Amino acid sequence: MNSAIEMTNENHLYLSDLGLVAALSLTFFHEIKQGEKKKVFFVFENSPAIQEAINQYWNGNLSVDAKTYSEQIKSIKSRIYQTQ
């Protein structure tokens, strides 16, 4: 299991790595779950497509628009602060 994947089950991935979450959320739907000690998880539906995107991200082969990616990070940070 990739170290950025905090928890997984057959149907869902629980991620907390901001960069990975930002990249994936440009394509895949997610929801936010509050963990212990103010830790936030982003829950994605597990699928072969998202597993491939995660591998591409960590191998440096996932292409996203730089401006959109930057805006997505800001949006995710805002959502994190709203849950706390």
PDB file of N, CA and C in Angstrom:
ATOM      1  N   MET A   1       0.849  -1.184   0.000  1.00  0.00           N
ATOM      2  CA  MET A   1       0.000   0.000   0.000  1.00  0.00           C
ATOM      3  C   MET A   1       0.888   1.239   0.000  1.00  0.00           C
ATOM      4  N   ASN A   2       0.515   2.218  -0.796  1.00  0.00           N
ATOM      5  CA  ASN A   2       1.237   3.476  -0.873  1.00  0.00           C
ATOM      6  C   ASN A   2       1.135   4.217   0.449  1.00  0.00           C
ATOM      7  N   SER A   3       2.214   4.876   0.865  1.00  0.00           N
ATOM      8  CA  SER A   3       2.222   5.567   2.159  1.00  0.00           C
ATOM      9  C   SER A   3       1.253   6.745   2.210  1.00  0.00           C
ATOM     10  N   ALA A   4       0.823   7.256   1.065  1.00  0.00           N
ATOM     11  CA  ALA A   4      -0.137   8.360   1.050  1.00  0.00           C
ATOM     12  C   ALA A   4      -1.561   7.873   1.285  1.00  0.00           C
ATOM     13  N   ILE A   5      -1.771   6.571   1.140  1.00  0.00           N
ATOM     14  CA  ILE A   5      -3.085   5.994   1.373  1.00  0.00           C
ATOM     15  C   ILE A   5      -3.159   5.600   2.835  1.00  0.00           C
ATOM     16  N   GLU A   6      -3.945   6.339   3.589  1.00  0.00           N
ATOM     17  CA  GLU A   6      -4.045   6.134   5.033  1.00  0.00           C
ATOM     18  C   GLU A   6      -4.832   4.869   5.358  1.00  0.00           C
ATOM     19  N   MET A   7      -5.940   4.702   4.683  1.00  0.00           N
ATOM     20  CA  MET A   7      -6.799   3.546   4.897  1.00  0.00           C
ATOM     21  C   MET A   7      -7.399   3.168   3.558  1.00  0.00           C
ATOM     22  N   THR A   8      -7.750   1.925   3.436  1.00  0.00           N
ATOM     23  CA  THR A   8      -8.409   1.488   2.215  1.00  0.00           C
ATOM     24  C   THR A   8      -9.317   0.314   2.538  1.00  0.00           C
ATOM     25  N   ASN A   9     -10.341   0.182   1.766  1.00  0.00           N
ATOM     26  CA  ASN A   9     -11.145  -1.025   1.794  1.00  0.00           C
ATOM     27  C   ASN A   9     -11.491  -1.328   0.346  1.00  0.00           C
ATOM     28  N   GLU A  10     -12.309  -2.297   0.128  1.00  0.00           N
ATOM     29  CA  GLU A  10     -12.623  -2.705  -1.236  1.00  0.00           C
ATOM     30  C   GLU A  10     -13.202  -1.569  -2.067  1.00  0.00           C
ATOM     31  N   ASN A  11     -13.938  -0.670  -1.420  1.00  0.00           N
ATOM     32  CA  ASN A  11     -14.667   0.358  -2.171  1.00  0.00           C
ATOM     33  C   ASN A  11     -14.111   1.769  -2.066  1.00  0.00           C
ATOM     34  N   HIS A  12     -13.287   2.067  -1.047  1.00  0.00           N
ATOM     35  CA  HIS A  12     -12.866   3.451  -0.818  1.00  0.00           C
ATOM     36  C   HIS A  12     -11.388   3.562  -0.452  1.00  0.00           C
ATOM     37  N   LEU A  13     -10.811   4.714  -0.819  1.00  0.00           N
ATOM     38  CA  LEU A  13      -9.450   5.084  -0.427  1.00  0.00           C
ATOM     39  C   LEU A  13      -9.551   6.314   0.453  1.00  0.00           C
ATOM     40  N   TYR A  14      -8.828   6.333   1.557  1.00  0.00           N
ATOM     41  CA  TYR A  14      -8.799   7.474   2.470  1.00  0.00           C
ATOM     42  C   TYR A  14      -7.419   8.105   2.339  1.00  0.00           C
ATOM     43  N   LEU A  15      -7.354   9.291   1.767  1.00  0.00           N
ATOM     44  CA  LEU A  15      -6.085   9.956   1.477  1.00  0.00           C
ATOM     45  C   LEU A  15      -5.947  11.236   2.289  1.00  0.00           C
ATOM     46  N   SER A  16      -4.700  11.574   2.631  1.00  0.00           N
ATOM     47  CA  SER A  16      -4.460  12.819   3.347  1.00  0.00           C
ATOM     48  C   SER A  16      -3.349  13.659   2.719  1.00  0.00           C
ATOM     49  N   ASP A  17      -2.677  13.169   1.698  1.00  0.00           N
ATOM     50  CA  ASP A  17      -1.613  13.916   1.035  1.00  0.00           C
ATOM     51  C   ASP A  17      -2.233  15.006   0.159  1.00  0.00           C
ATOM     52  N   LEU A  18      -1.982  16.267   0.507  1.00  0.00           N
ATOM     53  CA  LEU A  18      -2.625  17.397  -0.151  1.00  0.00           C
ATOM     54  C   LEU A  18      -2.349  17.439  -1.659  1.00  0.00           C
ATOM     55  N   GLY A  19      -1.124  17.231  -2.051  1.00  0.00           N
ATOM     56  CA  GLY A  19      -0.785  17.273  -3.475  1.00  0.00           C
ATOM     57  C   GLY A  19      -1.488  16.192  -4.268  1.00  0.00           C
ATOM     58  N   LEU A  20      -1.482  14.982  -3.726  1.00  0.00           N
ATOM     59  CA  LEU A  20      -2.150  13.864  -4.389  1.00  0.00           C
ATOM     60  C   LEU A  20      -3.653  14.103  -4.458  1.00  0.00           C
ATOM     61  N   VAL A  21      -4.236  14.542  -3.354  1.00  0.00           N
ATOM     62  CA  VAL A  21      -5.673  14.807  -3.319  1.00  0.00           C
ATOM     63  C   VAL A  21      -6.041  15.886  -4.339  1.00  0.00           C
ATOM     64  N   ALA A  22      -5.252  16.938  -4.410  1.00  0.00           N
ATOM     65  CA  ALA A  22      -5.537  18.010  -5.368  1.00  0.00           C
ATOM     66  C   ALA A  22      -5.516  17.483  -6.801  1.00  0.00           C
ATOM     67  N   ALA A  23      -4.519  16.693  -7.119  1.00  0.00           N
ATOM     68  CA  ALA A  23      -4.410  16.146  -8.478  1.00  0.00           C
ATOM     69  C   ALA A  23      -5.576  15.210  -8.793  1.00  0.00           C
ATOM     70  N   LEU A  24      -5.896  14.322  -7.872  1.00  0.00           N
ATOM     71  CA  LEU A  24      -6.969  13.360  -8.114  1.00  0.00           C
ATOM     72  C   LEU A  24      -8.336  14.026  -8.170  1.00  0.00           C
ATOM     73  N   SER A  25      -8.536  15.038  -7.333  1.00  0.00           N
ATOM     74  CA  SER A  25      -9.856  15.660  -7.258  1.00  0.00           C
ATOM     75  C   SER A  25     -10.195  16.480  -8.496  1.00  0.00           C
ATOM     76  N   LEU A  26      -9.231  16.698  -9.367  1.00  0.00           N
ATOM     77  CA  LEU A  26      -9.531  17.362 -10.634  1.00  0.00           C
ATOM     78  C   LEU A  26     -10.306  16.441 -11.569  1.00  0.00           C
ATOM     79  N   THR A  27     -10.231  15.136 -11.305  1.00  0.00           N
ATOM     80  CA  THR A  27     -10.895  14.152 -12.152  1.00  0.00           C
ATOM     81  C   THR A  27     -11.909  13.301 -11.404  1.00  0.00           C
ATOM     82  N   PHE A  28     -11.600  12.970 -10.154  1.00  0.00           N
ATOM     83  CA  PHE A  28     -12.418  12.030  -9.391  1.00  0.00           C
ATOM     84  C   PHE A  28     -13.159  12.741  -8.267  1.00  0.00           C
ATOM     85  N   PHE A  29     -14.411  12.336  -8.040  1.00  0.00           N
ATOM     86  CA  PHE A  29     -15.219  12.887  -6.954  1.00  0.00           C
ATOM     87  C   PHE A  29     -14.702  12.377  -5.610  1.00  0.00           C
ATOM     88  N   HIS A  30     -14.773  13.236  -4.588  1.00  0.00           N
ATOM     89  CA  HIS A  30     -14.344  12.847  -3.245  1.00  0.00           C
ATOM     90  C   HIS A  30     -15.218  13.525  -2.202  1.00  0.00           C
ATOM     91  N   GLU A  31     -15.122  13.027  -0.996  1.00  0.00           N
ATOM     92  CA  GLU A  31     -15.769  13.670   0.145  1.00  0.00           C
ATOM     93  C   GLU A  31     -14.741  13.792   1.263  1.00  0.00           C
ATOM     94  N   ILE A  32     -15.019  14.647   2.223  1.00  0.00           N
ATOM     95  CA  ILE A  32     -14.109  14.877   3.342  1.00  0.00           C
ATOM     96  C   ILE A  32     -14.667  14.204   4.584  1.00  0.00           C
ATOM     97  N   LYS A  33     -13.780  13.524   5.312  1.00  0.00           N
ATOM     98  CA  LYS A  33     -14.137  12.916   6.592  1.00  0.00           C
ATOM     99  C   LYS A  33     -13.169  13.423   7.648  1.00  0.00           C
ATOM    100  N   GLN A  34     -13.689  13.791   8.800  1.00  0.00           N
ATOM    101  CA  GLN A  34     -12.867  14.241   9.925  1.00  0.00           C
ATOM    102  C   GLN A  34     -12.349  13.012  10.675  1.00  0.00           C
ATOM    103  N   GLY A  35     -11.041  12.948  10.877  1.00  0.00           N
ATOM    104  CA  GLY A  35     -10.440  11.872  11.650  1.00  0.00           C
ATOM    105  C   GLY A  35     -10.156  12.324  13.071  1.00  0.00           C
ATOM    106  N   GLU A  36      -9.339  11.550  13.752  1.00  0.00           N
ATOM    107  CA  GLU A  36      -8.956  11.902  15.116  1.00  0.00           C
ATOM    108  C   GLU A  36      -7.926  13.023  15.107  1.00  0.00           C
ATOM    109  N   LYS A  37      -7.906  13.796  16.182  1.00  0.00           N
ATOM    110  CA  LYS A  37      -6.916  14.871  16.376  1.00  0.00           C
ATOM    111  C   LYS A  37      -6.851  15.834  15.193  1.00  0.00           C
ATOM    112  N   LYS A  38      -8.013  16.229  14.700  1.00  0.00           N
ATOM    113  CA  LYS A  38      -8.142  17.216  13.625  1.00  0.00           C
ATOM    114  C   LYS A  38      -7.599  16.737  12.273  1.00  0.00           C
ATOM    115  N   LYS A  39      -7.294  15.459  12.134  1.00  0.00           N
ATOM    116  CA  LYS A  39      -6.819  14.950  10.851  1.00  0.00           C
ATOM    117  C   LYS A  39      -8.001  14.816   9.901  1.00  0.00           C
ATOM    118  N   VAL A  40      -7.799  15.232   8.670  1.00  0.00           N
ATOM    119  CA  VAL A  40      -8.838  15.200   7.661  1.00  0.00           C
ATOM    120  C   VAL A  40      -8.451  14.181   6.597  1.00  0.00           C
ATOM    121  N   PHE A  41      -9.425  13.405   6.169  1.00  0.00           N
ATOM    122  CA  PHE A  41      -9.216  12.437   5.101  1.00  0.00           C
ATOM    123  C   PHE A  41     -10.114  12.784   3.927  1.00  0.00           C
ATOM    124  N   PHE A  42      -9.621  12.551   2.755  1.00  0.00           N
ATOM    125  CA  PHE A  42     -10.391  12.709   1.536  1.00  0.00           C
ATOM    126  C   PHE A  42     -10.696  11.310   1.034  1.00  0.00           C
ATOM    127  N   VAL A  43     -11.969  11.021   0.876  1.00  0.00           N
ATOM    128  CA  VAL A  43     -12.409   9.674   0.546  1.00  0.00           C
ATOM    129  C   VAL A  43     -12.769   9.616  -0.934  1.00  0.00           C
ATOM    130  N   PHE A  44     -12.102   8.720  -1.632  1.00  0.00           N
ATOM    131  CA  PHE A  44     -12.335   8.500  -3.053  1.00  0.00           C
ATOM    132  C   PHE A  44     -12.833   7.077  -3.261  1.00  0.00           C
ATOM    133  N   GLU A  45     -13.659   6.893  -4.261  1.00  0.00           N
ATOM    134  CA  GLU A  45     -14.091   5.549  -4.619  1.00  0.00           C
ATOM    135  C   GLU A  45     -12.902   4.812  -5.231  1.00  0.00           C
ATOM    136  N   ASN A  46     -12.634   3.618  -4.738  1.00  0.00           N
ATOM    137  CA  ASN A  46     -11.516   2.821  -5.237  1.00  0.00           C
ATOM    138  C   ASN A  46     -11.881   2.217  -6.589  1.00  0.00           C
ATOM    139  N   SER A  47     -10.981   2.352  -7.543  1.00  0.00           N
ATOM    140  CA  SER A  47     -11.201   1.798  -8.879  1.00  0.00           C
ATOM    141  C   SER A  47      -9.849   1.607  -9.555  1.00  0.00           C
ATOM    142  N   PRO A  48      -9.801   0.797 -10.584  1.00  0.00           N
ATOM    143  CA  PRO A  48      -8.548   0.668 -11.342  1.00  0.00           C
ATOM    144  C   PRO A  48      -8.081   2.008 -11.913  1.00  0.00           C
ATOM    145  N   ALA A  49      -9.020   2.864 -12.327  1.00  0.00           N
ATOM    146  CA  ALA A  49      -8.647   4.171 -12.901  1.00  0.00           C
ATOM    147  C   ALA A  49      -7.960   5.056 -11.873  1.00  0.00           C
ATOM    148  N   ILE A  50      -8.471   5.088 -10.650  1.00  0.00           N
ATOM    149  CA  ILE A  50      -7.841   5.940  -9.633  1.00  0.00           C
ATOM    150  C   ILE A  50      -6.510   5.337  -9.187  1.00  0.00           C
ATOM    151  N   GLN A  51      -6.418   4.025  -9.151  1.00  0.00           N
ATOM    152  CA  GLN A  51      -5.140   3.394  -8.809  1.00  0.00           C
ATOM    153  C   GLN A  51      -4.074   3.744  -9.852  1.00  0.00           C
ATOM    154  N   GLU A  52      -4.470   3.756 -11.116  1.00  0.00           N
ATOM    155  CA  GLU A  52      -3.553   4.132 -12.195  1.00  0.00           C
ATOM    156  C   GLU A  52      -3.146   5.599 -12.068  1.00  0.00           C
ATOM    157  N   ALA A  53      -4.092   6.465 -11.746  1.00  0.00           N
ATOM    158  CA  ALA A  53      -3.784   7.892 -11.573  1.00  0.00           C
ATOM    159  C   ALA A  53      -2.825   8.096 -10.401  1.00  0.00           C
ATOM    160  N   ILE A  54      -3.005   7.351  -9.309  1.00  0.00           N
ATOM    161  CA  ILE A  54      -2.101   7.445  -8.159  1.00  0.00           C
ATOM    162  C   ILE A  54      -0.697   7.017  -8.566  1.00  0.00           C
ATOM    163  N   ASN A  55      -0.592   5.920  -9.297  1.00  0.00           N
ATOM    164  CA  ASN A  55       0.721   5.461  -9.766  1.00  0.00           C
ATOM    165  C   ASN A  55       1.365   6.496 -10.678  1.00  0.00           C
ATOM    166  N   GLN A  56       0.582   7.083 -11.577  1.00  0.00           N
ATOM    167  CA  GLN A  56       1.119   8.120 -12.469  1.00  0.00           C
ATOM    168  C   GLN A  56       1.594   9.330 -11.674  1.00  0.00           C
ATOM    169  N   TYR A  57       0.837   9.721 -10.647  1.00  0.00           N
ATOM    170  CA  TYR A  57       1.222  10.858  -9.806  1.00  0.00           C
ATOM    171  C   TYR A  57       2.579  10.605  -9.164  1.00  0.00           C
ATOM    172  N   TRP A  58       2.741   9.452  -8.530  1.00  0.00           N
ATOM    173  CA  TRP A  58       3.987   9.165  -7.816  1.00  0.00           C
ATOM    174  C   TRP A  58       5.159   8.913  -8.756  1.00  0.00           C
ATOM    175  N   ASN A  59       4.875   8.505 -10.002  1.00  0.00           N
ATOM    176  CA  ASN A  59       5.936   8.314 -10.989  1.00  0.00           C
ATOM    177  C   ASN A  59       6.251   9.593 -11.755  1.00  0.00           C
ATOM    178  N   GLY A  60       5.519  10.674 -11.481  1.00  0.00           N
ATOM    179  CA  GLY A  60       5.749  11.948 -12.160  1.00  0.00           C
ATOM    180  C   GLY A  60       5.179  11.998 -13.563  1.00  0.00           C
ATOM    181  N   ASN A  61       4.214  11.132 -13.850  1.00  0.00           N
ATOM    182  CA  ASN A  61       3.650  11.063 -15.196  1.00  0.00           C
ATOM    183  C   ASN A  61       2.214  11.556 -15.301  1.00  0.00           C
ATOM    184  N   LEU A  62       1.641  12.031 -14.216  1.00  0.00           N
ATOM    185  CA  LEU A  62       0.263  12.523 -14.254  1.00  0.00           C
ATOM    186  C   LEU A  62       0.281  13.992 -14.669  1.00  0.00           C
ATOM    187  N   SER A  63      -0.396  14.300 -15.747  1.00  0.00           N
ATOM    188  CA  SER A  63      -0.414  15.671 -16.258  1.00  0.00           C
ATOM    189  C   SER A  63      -1.704  16.377 -15.854  1.00  0.00           C
ATOM    190  N   VAL A  64      -1.551  17.538 -15.245  1.00  0.00           N
ATOM    191  CA  VAL A  64      -2.686  18.396 -14.903  1.00  0.00           C
ATOM    192  C   VAL A  64      -2.303  19.827 -15.253  1.00  0.00           C
ATOM    193  N   ASP A  65      -3.307  20.634 -15.475  1.00  0.00           N
ATOM    194  CA  ASP A  65      -3.078  22.044 -15.754  1.00  0.00           C
ATOM    195  C   ASP A  65      -2.547  22.723 -14.490  1.00  0.00           C
ATOM    196  N   ALA A  66      -1.436  23.420 -14.596  1.00  0.00           N
ATOM    197  CA  ALA A  66      -0.775  24.016 -13.429  1.00  0.00           C
ATOM    198  C   ALA A  66      -1.662  25.023 -12.703  1.00  0.00           C
ATOM    199  N   LYS A  67      -2.331  25.891 -13.423  1.00  0.00           N
ATOM    200  CA  LYS A  67      -3.179  26.900 -12.786  1.00  0.00           C
ATOM    201  C   LYS A  67      -4.361  26.245 -12.078  1.00  0.00           C
ATOM    202  N   THR A  68      -4.985  25.298 -12.727  1.00  0.00           N
ATOM    203  CA  THR A  68      -6.118  24.598 -12.133  1.00  0.00           C
ATOM    204  C   THR A  68      -5.683  23.825 -10.894  1.00  0.00           C
ATOM    205  N   TYR A  69      -4.519  23.203 -10.962  1.00  0.00           N
ATOM    206  CA  TYR A  69      -3.970  22.460  -9.821  1.00  0.00           C
ATOM    207  C   TYR A  69      -3.740  23.397  -8.629  1.00  0.00           C
ATOM    208  N   SER A  70      -3.150  24.557  -8.889  1.00  0.00           N
ATOM    209  CA  SER A  70      -2.905  25.544  -7.835  1.00  0.00           C
ATOM    210  C   SER A  70      -4.211  26.017  -7.210  1.00  0.00           C
ATOM    211  N   GLU A  71      -5.196  26.295  -8.037  1.00  0.00           N
ATOM    212  CA  GLU A  71      -6.502  26.726  -7.539  1.00  0.00           C
ATOM    213  C   GLU A  71      -7.180  25.621  -6.729  1.00  0.00           C
ATOM    214  N   GLN A  72      -6.979  24.375  -7.148  1.00  0.00           N
ATOM    215  CA  GLN A  72      -7.568  23.245  -6.437  1.00  0.00           C
ATOM    216  C   GLN A  72      -6.955  23.094  -5.042  1.00  0.00           C
ATOM    217  N   ILE A  73      -5.655  23.301  -4.928  1.00  0.00           N
ATOM    218  CA  ILE A  73      -5.006  23.241  -3.610  1.00  0.00           C
ATOM    219  C   ILE A  73      -5.612  24.296  -2.683  1.00  0.00           C
ATOM    220  N   LYS A  74      -5.795  25.513  -3.181  1.00  0.00           N
ATOM    221  CA  LYS A  74      -6.409  26.570  -2.366  1.00  0.00           C
ATOM    222  C   LYS A  74      -7.824  26.190  -1.947  1.00  0.00           C
ATOM    223  N   SER A  75      -8.581  25.628  -2.865  1.00  0.00           N
ATOM    224  CA  SER A  75      -9.946  25.213  -2.576  1.00  0.00           C
ATOM    225  C   SER A  75      -9.980  24.113  -1.512  1.00  0.00           C
ATOM    226  N   ILE A  76      -9.096  23.161  -1.623  1.00  0.00           N
ATOM    227  CA  ILE A  76      -9.042  22.057  -0.652  1.00  0.00           C
ATOM    228  C   ILE A  76      -8.645  22.576   0.723  1.00  0.00           C
ATOM    229  N   LYS A  77      -7.668  23.470   0.776  1.00  0.00           N
ATOM    230  CA  LYS A  77      -7.277  24.051   2.067  1.00  0.00           C
ATOM    231  C   LYS A  77      -8.449  24.768   2.720  1.00  0.00           C
ATOM    232  N   SER A  78      -9.201  25.500   1.913  1.00  0.00           N
ATOM    233  CA  SER A  78     -10.376  26.192   2.434  1.00  0.00           C
ATOM    234  C   SER A  78     -11.384  25.195   2.996  1.00  0.00           C
ATOM    235  N   ARG A  79     -11.602  24.114   2.300  1.00  0.00           N
ATOM    236  CA  ARG A  79     -12.544  23.094   2.774  1.00  0.00           C
ATOM    237  C   ARG A  79     -12.052  22.433   4.055  1.00  0.00           C
ATOM    238  N   ILE A  80     -10.741  22.233   4.173  1.00  0.00           N
ATOM    239  CA  ILE A  80     -10.173  21.644   5.395  1.00  0.00           C
ATOM    240  C   ILE A  80     -10.468  22.561   6.577  1.00  0.00           C
ATOM    241  N   TYR A  81     -10.223  23.848   6.420  1.00  0.00           N
ATOM    242  CA  TYR A  81     -10.427  24.797   7.518  1.00  0.00           C
ATOM    243  C   TYR A  81     -11.896  24.898   7.892  1.00  0.00           C
ATOM    244  N   GLN A  82     -12.789  24.704   6.939  1.00  0.00           N
ATOM    245  CA  GLN A  82     -14.222  24.742   7.227  1.00  0.00           C
ATOM    246  C   GLN A  82     -14.674  23.548   8.047  1.00  0.00           C
ATOM    247  N   THR A  83     -13.968  22.421   7.970  1.00  0.00           N
ATOM    248  CA  THR A  83     -14.379  21.224   8.716  1.00  0.00           C
ATOM    249  C   THR A  83     -13.868  21.249  10.139  1.00  0.00           C
ATOM    250  N   GLN A  84     -12.945  22.135  10.463  1.00  0.00           N
ATOM    251  CA  GLN A  84     -12.344  22.139  11.812  1.00  0.00           C
ATOM    252  C   GLN A  84     -13.002  23.132  12.719  1.00  0.00           C
TER     253      GLN A  84
END
